[in-house]
Amino acid sequence: MTPSEFEQRFRALVTAHEEGTGNTGCLACERCERCTDSTFLKDCRRVSRSHYCTRCEDSAECSHSTGCTWCTGCSHCEACDRCTSCAYVVRSVSCAGCTYCFGCVGLVKKDFHILNEPYDRQEWFARVAELRRALRM
C-alpha cells in the first residue's frame, strides 16, 4: 500500500464515520445518535456504556444523568461538563469524585458544596432547593 492509497482510504473511513448516525448495541434508546452499548437513553449523542440518560453528549459510563457533556462515570448529574466519577452534581465543570455539589468548578473529592464553598448536609439541601426555584430548574 502506498502512502497515497493509505491517506485516501483513511479519509474515506473518517468521512463514513462522521456521516453515520446509527447506534450500536443499544436497547430502547430514543432519538439518539452514535451511542454504543447503552440502554434507555433519550436524545443523546456519542454516549457509550450509559443508562437512563437524557440529552447527554460525548459521555461514557454514566447513569440517570441529564444534559451532561464529556462526563465519565457520573450518576444522577445535571448539566455538568467534563466531570468524572461524580454523583448528584449539578451545573458543575471539571469536578472529580464529588457528590452533592451545585455550581462548582474544579473540585476533587468534595461533598456538599455550592459554588466551591462547603455546607453542612441539611443547609446544602435547603440552599439548593432555593437556588433551583430561583433558577427555575
N, C-alpha and C. Protein backbone atom coordinates (compact mmCIF):
# COMPACT_ATOMS: atom_id res chain seq x y z
N MET A 1 0.85 -1.17 0.00
CA MET A 1 0.00 0.00 0.00
C MET A 1 0.90 1.24 0.00
N THR A 2 0.62 2.13 -0.87
CA THR A 2 1.41 3.37 -0.96
C THR A 2 0.88 4.38 0.05
N PRO A 3 1.70 5.36 0.40
CA PRO A 3 1.21 6.41 1.31
C PRO A 3 -0.04 7.10 0.76
N SER A 4 -0.10 7.32 -0.51
CA SER A 4 -1.26 7.96 -1.13
C SER A 4 -2.52 7.09 -0.98
N GLU A 5 -2.38 5.78 -1.19
CA GLU A 5 -3.52 4.87 -1.02
C GLU A 5 -3.96 4.84 0.44
N PHE A 6 -3.00 4.82 1.35
CA PHE A 6 -3.33 4.83 2.77
C PHE A 6 -4.14 6.09 3.11
N GLU A 7 -3.66 7.25 2.71
CA GLU A 7 -4.35 8.51 3.01
C GLU A 7 -5.75 8.53 2.43
N GLN A 8 -5.91 8.03 1.21
CA GLN A 8 -7.22 8.01 0.56
C GLN A 8 -8.19 7.11 1.33
N ARG A 9 -7.75 5.92 1.69
CA ARG A 9 -8.61 5.00 2.43
C ARG A 9 -8.91 5.53 3.83
N PHE A 10 -7.90 6.14 4.46
CA PHE A 10 -8.11 6.72 5.79
C PHE A 10 -9.16 7.83 5.74
N ARG A 11 -9.04 8.75 4.78
CA ARG A 11 -10.02 9.83 4.65
C ARG A 11 -11.43 9.28 4.39
N ALA A 12 -11.53 8.21 3.62
CA ALA A 12 -12.83 7.59 3.35
C ALA A 12 -13.44 7.03 4.63
N LEU A 13 -12.62 6.41 5.46
CA LEU A 13 -13.11 5.89 6.74
C LEU A 13 -13.57 7.02 7.65
N VAL A 14 -12.81 8.10 7.73
CA VAL A 14 -13.20 9.24 8.57
C VAL A 14 -14.52 9.83 8.08
N THR A 15 -14.66 10.00 6.79
CA THR A 15 -15.89 10.55 6.23
C THR A 15 -17.08 9.65 6.53
N ALA A 16 -16.92 8.35 6.34
CA ALA A 16 -18.00 7.41 6.61
C ALA A 16 -18.40 7.44 8.08
N HIS A 17 -17.42 7.55 8.95
CA HIS A 17 -17.71 7.62 10.39
C HIS A 17 -18.46 8.89 10.74
N GLU A 18 -18.04 10.02 10.21
CA GLU A 18 -18.67 11.30 10.51
C GLU A 18 -20.10 11.37 9.98
N GLU A 19 -20.38 10.69 8.90
CA GLU A 19 -21.71 10.73 8.32
C GLU A 19 -22.68 9.74 8.98
N GLY A 20 -22.15 8.75 9.67
CA GLY A 20 -23.00 7.75 10.30
C GLY A 20 -23.68 8.29 11.55
N THR A 21 -24.91 7.86 11.79
CA THR A 21 -25.64 8.29 12.98
C THR A 21 -26.19 7.12 13.78
N GLY A 22 -25.96 5.91 13.32
CA GLY A 22 -26.54 4.73 13.96
C GLY A 22 -25.96 4.43 15.33
N ASN A 23 -26.75 3.72 16.11
CA ASN A 23 -26.34 3.26 17.43
C ASN A 23 -25.91 1.81 17.34
N THR A 24 -25.02 1.38 18.23
CA THR A 24 -24.52 0.02 18.23
C THR A 24 -24.71 -0.60 19.61
N GLY A 25 -25.37 -1.73 19.68
CA GLY A 25 -25.52 -2.44 20.95
C GLY A 25 -26.40 -1.72 21.95
N CYS A 26 -27.32 -0.90 21.50
CA CYS A 26 -28.20 -0.14 22.40
C CYS A 26 -29.57 -0.79 22.50
N LEU A 27 -30.23 -0.58 23.62
CA LEU A 27 -31.56 -1.10 23.85
C LEU A 27 -32.47 0.04 24.31
N ALA A 28 -33.58 0.22 23.63
CA ALA A 28 -34.61 1.21 23.99
C ALA A 28 -34.05 2.63 24.07
N CYS A 29 -33.20 2.99 23.14
CA CYS A 29 -32.69 4.37 23.05
C CYS A 29 -33.55 5.12 22.04
N GLU A 30 -33.95 6.33 22.40
CA GLU A 30 -34.84 7.12 21.57
C GLU A 30 -34.15 8.39 21.08
N ARG A 31 -34.21 8.62 19.77
CA ARG A 31 -33.66 9.83 19.14
C ARG A 31 -32.19 10.05 19.49
N CYS A 32 -31.43 8.98 19.54
CA CYS A 32 -30.00 9.04 19.87
C CYS A 32 -29.17 8.84 18.61
N GLU A 33 -27.95 9.37 18.62
CA GLU A 33 -27.04 9.21 17.50
C GLU A 33 -25.67 8.76 18.00
N ARG A 34 -25.12 7.76 17.32
CA ARG A 34 -23.77 7.25 17.59
C ARG A 34 -23.55 6.79 19.03
N CYS A 35 -24.56 6.26 19.65
CA CYS A 35 -24.41 5.74 21.01
C CYS A 35 -24.06 4.25 20.94
N THR A 36 -23.34 3.76 21.96
CA THR A 36 -22.95 2.35 21.97
C THR A 36 -23.18 1.72 23.33
N ASP A 37 -23.60 0.47 23.28
CA ASP A 37 -23.73 -0.38 24.48
C ASP A 37 -24.45 0.34 25.63
N SER A 38 -25.57 0.96 25.33
CA SER A 38 -26.32 1.74 26.32
C SER A 38 -27.78 1.32 26.32
N THR A 39 -28.49 1.68 27.40
CA THR A 39 -29.92 1.38 27.50
C THR A 39 -30.69 2.59 27.98
N PHE A 40 -31.89 2.72 27.46
CA PHE A 40 -32.88 3.72 27.89
C PHE A 40 -32.36 5.16 27.83
N LEU A 41 -31.63 5.49 26.78
CA LEU A 41 -31.17 6.87 26.56
C LEU A 41 -32.23 7.62 25.76
N LYS A 42 -32.26 8.94 25.94
CA LYS A 42 -33.14 9.79 25.13
C LYS A 42 -32.36 11.02 24.68
N ASP A 43 -32.41 11.28 23.38
CA ASP A 43 -31.81 12.49 22.80
C ASP A 43 -30.32 12.64 23.13
N CYS A 44 -29.59 11.55 23.14
CA CYS A 44 -28.16 11.58 23.44
C CYS A 44 -27.34 11.45 22.15
N ARG A 45 -26.11 11.94 22.20
CA ARG A 45 -25.19 11.83 21.06
C ARG A 45 -23.83 11.38 21.57
N ARG A 46 -23.28 10.38 20.89
CA ARG A 46 -21.95 9.86 21.19
C ARG A 46 -21.78 9.50 22.68
N VAL A 47 -22.72 8.73 23.19
CA VAL A 47 -22.69 8.27 24.58
C VAL A 47 -22.44 6.77 24.56
N SER A 48 -21.59 6.29 25.46
CA SER A 48 -21.31 4.85 25.49
C SER A 48 -21.43 4.29 26.90
N ARG A 49 -21.82 3.02 26.95
CA ARG A 49 -21.94 2.25 28.19
C ARG A 49 -22.67 3.05 29.28
N SER A 50 -23.78 3.67 28.93
CA SER A 50 -24.54 4.50 29.86
C SER A 50 -26.00 4.06 29.89
N HIS A 51 -26.71 4.48 30.93
CA HIS A 51 -28.07 4.01 31.14
C HIS A 51 -28.94 5.13 31.72
N TYR A 52 -30.16 5.25 31.20
CA TYR A 52 -31.17 6.18 31.68
C TYR A 52 -30.70 7.65 31.64
N CYS A 53 -29.98 8.03 30.64
CA CYS A 53 -29.52 9.42 30.49
C CYS A 53 -30.37 10.13 29.44
N THR A 54 -30.46 11.45 29.56
CA THR A 54 -31.22 12.28 28.63
C THR A 54 -30.41 13.50 28.23
N ARG A 55 -30.37 13.79 26.96
CA ARG A 55 -29.69 14.95 26.39
C ARG A 55 -28.21 15.04 26.79
N CYS A 56 -27.54 13.92 26.92
CA CYS A 56 -26.11 13.91 27.21
C CYS A 56 -25.33 13.75 25.90
N GLU A 57 -24.10 14.25 25.89
CA GLU A 57 -23.24 14.13 24.71
C GLU A 57 -21.82 13.78 25.11
N ASP A 58 -21.17 13.01 24.27
CA ASP A 58 -19.75 12.69 24.41
C ASP A 58 -19.40 12.20 25.82
N SER A 59 -20.25 11.37 26.39
CA SER A 59 -20.06 10.88 27.75
C SER A 59 -19.99 9.36 27.77
N ALA A 60 -19.46 8.80 28.84
CA ALA A 60 -19.33 7.34 28.96
C ALA A 60 -19.55 6.89 30.39
N GLU A 61 -20.14 5.72 30.52
CA GLU A 61 -20.33 5.04 31.80
C GLU A 61 -21.10 5.90 32.81
N CYS A 62 -22.10 6.61 32.34
CA CYS A 62 -22.94 7.45 33.20
C CYS A 62 -24.31 6.81 33.37
N SER A 63 -25.02 7.21 34.41
CA SER A 63 -26.39 6.74 34.58
C SER A 63 -27.25 7.83 35.20
N HIS A 64 -28.52 7.83 34.81
CA HIS A 64 -29.52 8.74 35.37
C HIS A 64 -29.07 10.21 35.33
N SER A 65 -28.37 10.61 34.29
CA SER A 65 -27.87 11.97 34.16
C SER A 65 -28.60 12.70 33.03
N THR A 66 -28.63 14.03 33.13
CA THR A 66 -29.35 14.85 32.16
C THR A 66 -28.50 16.04 31.74
N GLY A 67 -28.38 16.23 30.45
CA GLY A 67 -27.73 17.42 29.92
C GLY A 67 -26.24 17.52 30.20
N CYS A 68 -25.57 16.42 30.34
CA CYS A 68 -24.14 16.43 30.64
C CYS A 68 -23.31 16.26 29.36
N THR A 69 -22.12 16.85 29.35
CA THR A 69 -21.22 16.79 28.21
C THR A 69 -19.83 16.39 28.67
N TRP A 70 -19.22 15.47 27.95
CA TRP A 70 -17.85 15.00 28.23
C TRP A 70 -17.69 14.50 29.67
N CYS A 71 -18.70 13.84 30.21
CA CYS A 71 -18.62 13.29 31.56
C CYS A 71 -18.32 11.79 31.50
N THR A 72 -17.67 11.28 32.53
CA THR A 72 -17.33 9.86 32.61
C THR A 72 -17.64 9.34 34.00
N GLY A 73 -18.38 8.27 34.08
CA GLY A 73 -18.65 7.61 35.35
C GLY A 73 -19.50 8.41 36.31
N CYS A 74 -20.36 9.26 35.81
CA CYS A 74 -21.21 10.10 36.67
C CYS A 74 -22.60 9.49 36.82
N SER A 75 -23.23 9.78 37.94
CA SER A 75 -24.56 9.26 38.22
C SER A 75 -25.43 10.36 38.80
N HIS A 76 -26.64 10.48 38.30
CA HIS A 76 -27.61 11.47 38.79
C HIS A 76 -27.07 12.90 38.72
N CYS A 77 -26.36 13.21 37.65
CA CYS A 77 -25.80 14.55 37.46
C CYS A 77 -26.66 15.32 36.46
N GLU A 78 -26.62 16.66 36.58
CA GLU A 78 -27.41 17.51 35.70
C GLU A 78 -26.55 18.66 35.17
N ALA A 79 -26.60 18.85 33.87
CA ALA A 79 -25.96 20.00 33.22
C ALA A 79 -24.49 20.16 33.61
N CYS A 80 -23.78 19.08 33.67
CA CYS A 80 -22.36 19.11 34.03
C CYS A 80 -21.49 19.00 32.78
N ASP A 81 -20.27 19.47 32.89
CA ASP A 81 -19.34 19.44 31.78
C ASP A 81 -17.98 18.94 32.27
N ARG A 82 -17.47 17.91 31.65
CA ARG A 82 -16.15 17.34 31.94
C ARG A 82 -15.99 16.88 33.40
N CYS A 83 -17.03 16.32 33.97
CA CYS A 83 -16.94 15.77 35.33
C CYS A 83 -16.65 14.27 35.25
N THR A 84 -15.99 13.75 36.28
CA THR A 84 -15.60 12.35 36.32
C THR A 84 -15.94 11.76 37.68
N SER A 85 -16.60 10.62 37.68
CA SER A 85 -16.90 9.86 38.90
C SER A 85 -17.64 10.71 39.94
N CYS A 86 -18.61 11.47 39.51
CA CYS A 86 -19.39 12.31 40.42
C CYS A 86 -20.81 11.76 40.54
N ALA A 87 -21.49 12.14 41.62
CA ALA A 87 -22.89 11.76 41.81
C ALA A 87 -23.65 12.93 42.42
N TYR A 88 -24.85 13.17 41.92
CA TYR A 88 -25.72 14.24 42.40
C TYR A 88 -25.04 15.60 42.32
N VAL A 89 -24.38 15.83 41.22
CA VAL A 89 -23.68 17.10 40.97
C VAL A 89 -24.47 17.85 39.90
N VAL A 90 -24.65 19.16 40.11
CA VAL A 90 -25.48 19.97 39.22
C VAL A 90 -24.72 21.19 38.74
N ARG A 91 -24.83 21.50 37.46
CA ARG A 91 -24.22 22.67 36.83
C ARG A 91 -22.79 22.89 37.27
N SER A 92 -22.00 21.86 37.17
CA SER A 92 -20.62 21.92 37.60
C SER A 92 -19.69 21.56 36.44
N VAL A 93 -18.44 22.01 36.55
CA VAL A 93 -17.47 21.83 35.48
C VAL A 93 -16.17 21.26 36.05
N SER A 94 -15.64 20.25 35.41
CA SER A 94 -14.33 19.67 35.73
C SER A 94 -14.18 19.23 37.18
N CYS A 95 -15.22 18.64 37.73
CA CYS A 95 -15.14 18.08 39.08
C CYS A 95 -14.83 16.59 38.98
N ALA A 96 -14.20 16.05 40.01
CA ALA A 96 -13.85 14.62 40.01
C ALA A 96 -14.10 14.02 41.39
N GLY A 97 -14.84 12.93 41.43
CA GLY A 97 -15.07 12.22 42.68
C GLY A 97 -15.92 12.99 43.67
N CYS A 98 -16.76 13.89 43.20
CA CYS A 98 -17.57 14.73 44.09
C CYS A 98 -19.00 14.20 44.19
N THR A 99 -19.64 14.50 45.32
CA THR A 99 -21.07 14.23 45.47
C THR A 99 -21.74 15.46 46.06
N TYR A 100 -22.97 15.67 45.64
CA TYR A 100 -23.79 16.78 46.13
C TYR A 100 -23.07 18.12 46.01
N CYS A 101 -22.74 18.48 44.79
CA CYS A 101 -22.14 19.79 44.50
C CYS A 101 -23.04 20.52 43.52
N PHE A 102 -23.13 21.84 43.66
CA PHE A 102 -24.00 22.66 42.82
C PHE A 102 -23.21 23.88 42.36
N GLY A 103 -23.04 24.01 41.07
CA GLY A 103 -22.33 25.17 40.52
C GLY A 103 -20.86 25.21 40.89
N CYS A 104 -20.23 24.08 40.96
CA CYS A 104 -18.82 24.02 41.37
C CYS A 104 -17.91 23.84 40.16
N VAL A 105 -16.68 24.27 40.33
CA VAL A 105 -15.70 24.17 39.25
C VAL A 105 -14.38 23.64 39.80
N GLY A 106 -13.89 22.56 39.21
CA GLY A 106 -12.56 22.05 39.51
C GLY A 106 -12.37 21.37 40.85
N LEU A 107 -13.44 21.02 41.53
CA LEU A 107 -13.29 20.36 42.84
C LEU A 107 -12.94 18.89 42.67
N VAL A 108 -12.22 18.35 43.65
CA VAL A 108 -11.85 16.94 43.66
C VAL A 108 -12.21 16.35 45.01
N LYS A 109 -13.01 15.29 44.98
CA LYS A 109 -13.41 14.55 46.18
C LYS A 109 -14.01 15.46 47.25
N LYS A 110 -14.96 16.29 46.86
CA LYS A 110 -15.65 17.17 47.80
C LYS A 110 -17.12 16.79 47.85
N ASP A 111 -17.76 17.02 48.98
CA ASP A 111 -19.18 16.75 49.17
C ASP A 111 -19.86 18.00 49.70
N PHE A 112 -21.12 18.20 49.32
CA PHE A 112 -21.97 19.27 49.82
C PHE A 112 -21.33 20.65 49.67
N HIS A 113 -21.05 21.02 48.43
CA HIS A 113 -20.50 22.34 48.11
C HIS A 113 -21.44 23.08 47.16
N ILE A 114 -21.50 24.38 47.30
CA ILE A 114 -22.20 25.26 46.37
C ILE A 114 -21.21 26.35 45.98
N LEU A 115 -21.00 26.52 44.68
CA LEU A 115 -20.04 27.49 44.17
C LEU A 115 -18.68 27.36 44.88
N ASN A 116 -18.25 26.12 45.06
CA ASN A 116 -16.96 25.75 45.66
C ASN A 116 -16.86 26.05 47.15
N GLU A 117 -17.97 26.39 47.79
CA GLU A 117 -17.98 26.65 49.24
C GLU A 117 -18.67 25.49 49.95
N PRO A 118 -18.08 25.01 51.07
CA PRO A 118 -18.68 23.87 51.77
C PRO A 118 -19.91 24.27 52.60
N TYR A 119 -20.85 23.33 52.70
CA TYR A 119 -22.06 23.49 53.52
C TYR A 119 -22.30 22.20 54.25
N ASP A 120 -22.98 22.29 55.42
CA ASP A 120 -23.37 21.03 56.05
C ASP A 120 -24.55 20.47 55.27
N ARG A 121 -24.79 19.20 55.43
CA ARG A 121 -25.77 18.48 54.62
C ARG A 121 -27.15 19.14 54.62
N GLN A 122 -27.68 19.42 55.77
CA GLN A 122 -29.03 19.98 55.86
C GLN A 122 -29.12 21.35 55.20
N GLU A 123 -28.14 22.20 55.45
CA GLU A 123 -28.14 23.52 54.85
C GLU A 123 -27.97 23.43 53.33
N TRP A 124 -27.16 22.47 52.86
CA TRP A 124 -26.95 22.29 51.43
C TRP A 124 -28.28 22.03 50.73
N PHE A 125 -29.08 21.09 51.25
CA PHE A 125 -30.35 20.76 50.62
C PHE A 125 -31.30 21.96 50.62
N ALA A 126 -31.33 22.72 51.71
CA ALA A 126 -32.19 23.90 51.77
C ALA A 126 -31.75 24.95 50.75
N ARG A 127 -30.46 25.23 50.69
CA ARG A 127 -29.94 26.23 49.74
C ARG A 127 -30.16 25.80 48.29
N VAL A 128 -29.94 24.54 48.00
CA VAL A 128 -30.12 24.06 46.64
C VAL A 128 -31.59 24.14 46.23
N ALA A 129 -32.49 23.85 47.14
CA ALA A 129 -33.92 23.99 46.84
C ALA A 129 -34.24 25.44 46.48
N GLU A 130 -33.69 26.40 47.24
CA GLU A 130 -33.89 27.82 46.95
C GLU A 130 -33.31 28.17 45.59
N LEU A 131 -32.09 27.72 45.32
CA LEU A 131 -31.45 28.01 44.04
C LEU A 131 -32.24 27.42 42.87
N ARG A 132 -32.72 26.22 43.03
CA ARG A 132 -33.50 25.60 41.95
C ARG A 132 -34.76 26.41 41.65
N ARG A 133 -35.41 26.89 42.69
CA ARG A 133 -36.60 27.73 42.47
C ARG A 133 -36.22 29.03 41.78
N ALA A 134 -35.18 29.67 42.27
CA ALA A 134 -34.76 30.95 41.70
C ALA A 134 -34.27 30.81 40.26
N LEU A 135 -33.58 29.72 39.98
CA LEU A 135 -33.04 29.49 38.63
C LEU A 135 -34.04 28.74 37.74
N ARG A 136 -35.21 28.45 38.29
CA ARG A 136 -36.26 27.71 37.56
C ARG A 136 -35.75 26.39 37.00
N MET A 137 -35.13 25.63 37.88
CA MET A 137 -34.59 24.32 37.47
C MET A 137 -35.49 23.22 37.99
